[in-house]
Protein backbone atom coordinates (compact mmCIF):
# COMPACT_ATOMS: atom_id res chain seq x y z
CA GLU A 1 57.97 250.97 160.15
CA LEU A 2 56.88 254.45 161.15
CA ASP A 3 55.38 255.04 164.59
CA ARG A 4 51.93 256.40 163.74
CA ARG A 5 51.57 258.29 167.05
CA ASP A 6 54.78 260.26 166.43
CA LEU A 7 53.67 261.11 162.90
CA LEU A 8 50.25 262.28 164.12
CA LEU A 9 51.79 264.44 166.83
CA THR A 10 54.20 266.00 164.32
CA LEU A 11 51.43 266.78 161.84
CA GLY A 12 49.23 268.10 164.64
CA ALA A 13 51.96 270.45 165.83
CA ALA A 14 52.25 271.73 162.26
CA GLY A 15 48.54 272.61 162.39
CA LEU A 16 47.61 269.97 159.84
CA LEU A 17 45.36 267.68 161.89
CA PRO A 18 41.93 267.99 163.47
CA LEU A 19 41.89 268.83 167.17
CA ARG A 20 40.40 265.41 167.90
CA ALA A 21 43.69 263.80 166.92
CA LEU A 22 45.69 266.21 169.07
CA ALA A 23 43.84 265.09 172.18
CA ALA A 24 45.14 261.56 171.75
CA SER A 25 45.67 259.45 174.83
CA PRO A 26 49.14 258.02 175.55
CA GLU A 27 47.98 254.91 173.70
CA GLY A 28 47.22 257.03 170.64
CA THR A 29 44.19 257.86 168.54
CA VAL A 30 43.64 256.15 165.25
CA VAL A 31 42.89 258.63 162.50
CA PRO A 32 41.95 256.90 159.27
CA GLN A 33 44.46 257.63 156.52
CA ALA A 34 41.76 259.09 154.28
CA GLU A 35 40.83 261.60 157.02
CA LEU A 36 44.50 262.44 157.54
CA PHE A 37 44.98 263.25 153.85
CA GLU A 38 41.66 265.10 153.63
CA THR A 39 42.46 267.32 156.62
CA ALA A 40 46.00 268.06 155.44
CA ALA A 41 44.61 269.01 152.02
CA LYS A 42 41.95 271.37 153.46
CA VAL A 43 44.28 273.77 155.25
CA ALA A 44 45.87 276.67 153.42
CA LYS A 45 48.88 275.56 151.41
CA ARG A 46 52.11 276.20 153.23
CA ARG A 47 55.83 276.18 152.50
CA ILE A 48 57.25 273.53 154.80
CA ILE A 49 60.95 272.78 155.34
CA VAL A 50 61.66 269.33 156.78
CA THR A 51 65.18 268.47 157.91
CA GLY A 52 66.02 264.79 157.68
CA ALA A 53 63.29 264.21 155.09
CA ASN A 54 65.20 261.27 153.63
CA SER A 55 64.10 258.66 156.20
CA GLY A 56 61.80 257.84 159.10
CA VAL A 57 59.23 260.32 160.37
CA GLY A 58 60.69 263.07 158.17
CA LEU A 59 60.22 261.08 154.97
CA GLU A 60 56.73 259.84 155.84
CA GLY A 61 55.60 263.28 156.99
CA ALA A 62 57.01 264.93 153.87
CA LYS A 63 55.13 262.42 151.69
CA ILE A 64 51.82 263.24 153.37
CA LEU A 65 52.39 266.98 153.26
CA ALA A 66 53.43 267.01 149.60
CA LYS A 67 50.52 264.74 148.64
CA ALA A 68 48.20 267.25 150.32
CA GLY A 69 49.58 269.97 148.04
CA HIS A 70 51.99 271.74 150.36
CA ASP A 71 55.33 273.05 149.06
CA VAL A 72 57.74 270.72 150.87
CA VAL A 73 61.49 271.32 150.95
CA CYS A 74 63.44 268.15 151.77
CA ALA A 75 66.53 269.48 153.56
CA CYS A 76 69.05 266.64 153.77
CA ARG A 77 72.76 266.28 154.51
CA ASN A 78 73.85 265.72 150.90
CA GLN A 79 72.51 266.10 147.37
CA ALA A 80 71.97 262.36 146.80
CA LYS A 81 69.80 262.03 149.93
CA ALA A 82 67.93 265.24 149.10
CA ASP A 83 67.27 264.11 145.53
CA ALA A 84 66.04 260.71 146.70
CA ALA A 85 63.76 262.35 149.28
CA ALA A 86 62.38 264.82 146.75
CA SER A 87 61.73 262.00 144.30
CA ALA A 88 59.95 259.91 146.94
CA THR A 89 57.84 262.78 148.28
CA GLY A 90 57.21 265.08 145.34
CA GLY A 91 59.00 267.84 147.24
CA THR A 92 62.02 269.97 146.41
CA ALA A 93 65.58 268.84 147.15
CA ALA A 94 67.90 271.02 149.23
CA VAL A 95 71.24 270.39 150.91
CA CYS A 96 71.49 271.32 154.58
CA ASP A 97 74.18 269.35 156.40
CA LEU A 98 73.49 270.07 160.05
CA ALA A 99 76.97 268.78 160.96
CA ASP A 100 78.50 271.61 158.94
CA LEU A 101 77.46 275.09 160.08
CA SER A 102 78.63 276.64 156.80
CA SER A 103 76.18 274.31 154.99
CA VAL A 104 73.40 275.44 157.34
CA ARG A 105 74.23 279.09 156.60
CA SER A 106 74.33 278.44 152.85
CA PHE A 107 70.97 276.69 152.94
CA ALA A 108 69.38 279.47 155.02
CA LYS A 109 70.49 282.05 152.45
CA THR A 110 68.49 280.20 149.78
CA VAL A 111 65.24 280.32 151.76
CA SER A 112 63.02 283.21 150.74
CA ASN A 113 60.02 282.22 152.83
CA VAL A 114 58.87 279.47 155.20
CA ASP A 115 55.56 278.83 156.96
CA VAL A 116 56.47 275.67 158.87
CA LEU A 117 59.97 274.63 159.93
CA VAL A 118 60.21 270.97 160.96
CA LEU A 119 63.47 270.28 162.80
CA ASN A 120 63.46 266.52 162.47
CA ALA A 121 66.93 265.32 161.47
CA GLY A 122 68.90 263.48 164.07
CA LEU A 123 71.44 260.79 164.71
CA ALA A 124 72.89 258.91 167.64
CA LEU A 125 76.47 257.98 166.91
CA ASN A 126 79.57 257.75 169.09
CA THR A 127 77.76 255.91 171.88
CA LYS A 128 80.43 253.20 172.10
CA ASP A 129 83.32 254.92 170.37
CA ALA A 130 86.54 255.40 172.33
CA GLN A 131 87.01 258.80 170.67
CA PRO A 132 84.07 260.97 169.55
CA THR A 133 83.51 261.78 165.91
CA ARG A 134 83.55 265.53 165.27
CA THR A 135 81.62 267.86 162.98
CA LYS A 136 83.48 270.06 160.51
CA ASP A 137 83.32 272.76 163.17
CA GLY A 138 84.86 270.54 165.88
CA PHE A 139 81.75 269.69 167.91
CA GLU A 140 80.87 266.14 168.93
CA LEU A 141 78.80 264.83 165.98
CA THR A 142 75.54 264.01 167.77
CA ILE A 143 75.42 267.33 169.66
CA GLY A 144 76.48 269.27 166.58
CA THR A 145 73.90 267.69 164.33
CA ASN A 146 70.90 267.25 166.61
CA HIS A 147 71.20 270.49 168.57
CA LEU A 148 73.66 273.08 167.30
CA GLY A 149 72.83 272.71 163.59
CA HIS A 150 69.10 272.98 164.27
CA PHE A 151 69.64 275.89 166.69
CA LEU A 152 71.55 277.83 164.04
CA LEU A 153 69.03 276.99 161.30
CA TYR A 154 66.11 278.19 163.41
CA ASN A 155 67.92 281.41 164.36
CA LEU A 156 68.77 282.12 160.72
CA LEU A 157 65.17 281.51 159.59
CA GLU A 158 63.28 282.92 162.58
CA ASP A 159 62.49 286.30 160.97
CA LYS A 160 61.26 284.66 157.77
CA LEU A 161 59.15 282.22 159.76
CA VAL A 162 57.57 284.98 161.86
CA LYS A 163 56.85 287.09 158.76
CA SER A 164 55.28 284.17 156.91
CA GLY A 165 51.77 285.25 157.78
CA GLU A 166 49.07 283.39 159.61
CA HIS A 167 50.05 280.68 162.07
CA PRO A 168 53.77 280.10 161.51
CA ARG A 169 54.94 276.86 163.09
CA LEU A 170 58.16 275.48 164.50
CA VAL A 171 58.00 271.71 164.94
CA VAL A 172 60.76 269.81 166.76
CA THR A 173 60.57 266.03 166.55
């Protein structure tokens, strides 16, 4: 089950919610689903890349954004996950394996424009392993995926994000 407060904060940071919802107390503000969809549909259509769009907040957020008419790119670690996410959301499938910096570079080369970059993918492995699992580049898997992969992706797309026009957004969940 998706934590509604986290979803609202993510959508608010992307500029897709009314200010009333952004001023939520720590307990959260309930925004009726109809209002959420209506508000997301009213803003100018944007090209939104969501990493980790195959599950959790990424999947649910991508569904709402695509339903509102935004061009959503579901950037996932492999083609099967990306295809499943695109099918579930109505978005476009793309492979961006954050644990493989060459995959991040390849994905970034395919991006012509982006208005909102949602750095959402994450994992928490190796917590009880005797030996850490490594990325293809030799970094510990959790650090490589959650931090270094996203850092590289943002740096590769920063110019395109800045040039996107009015109100570019970087959202980190």
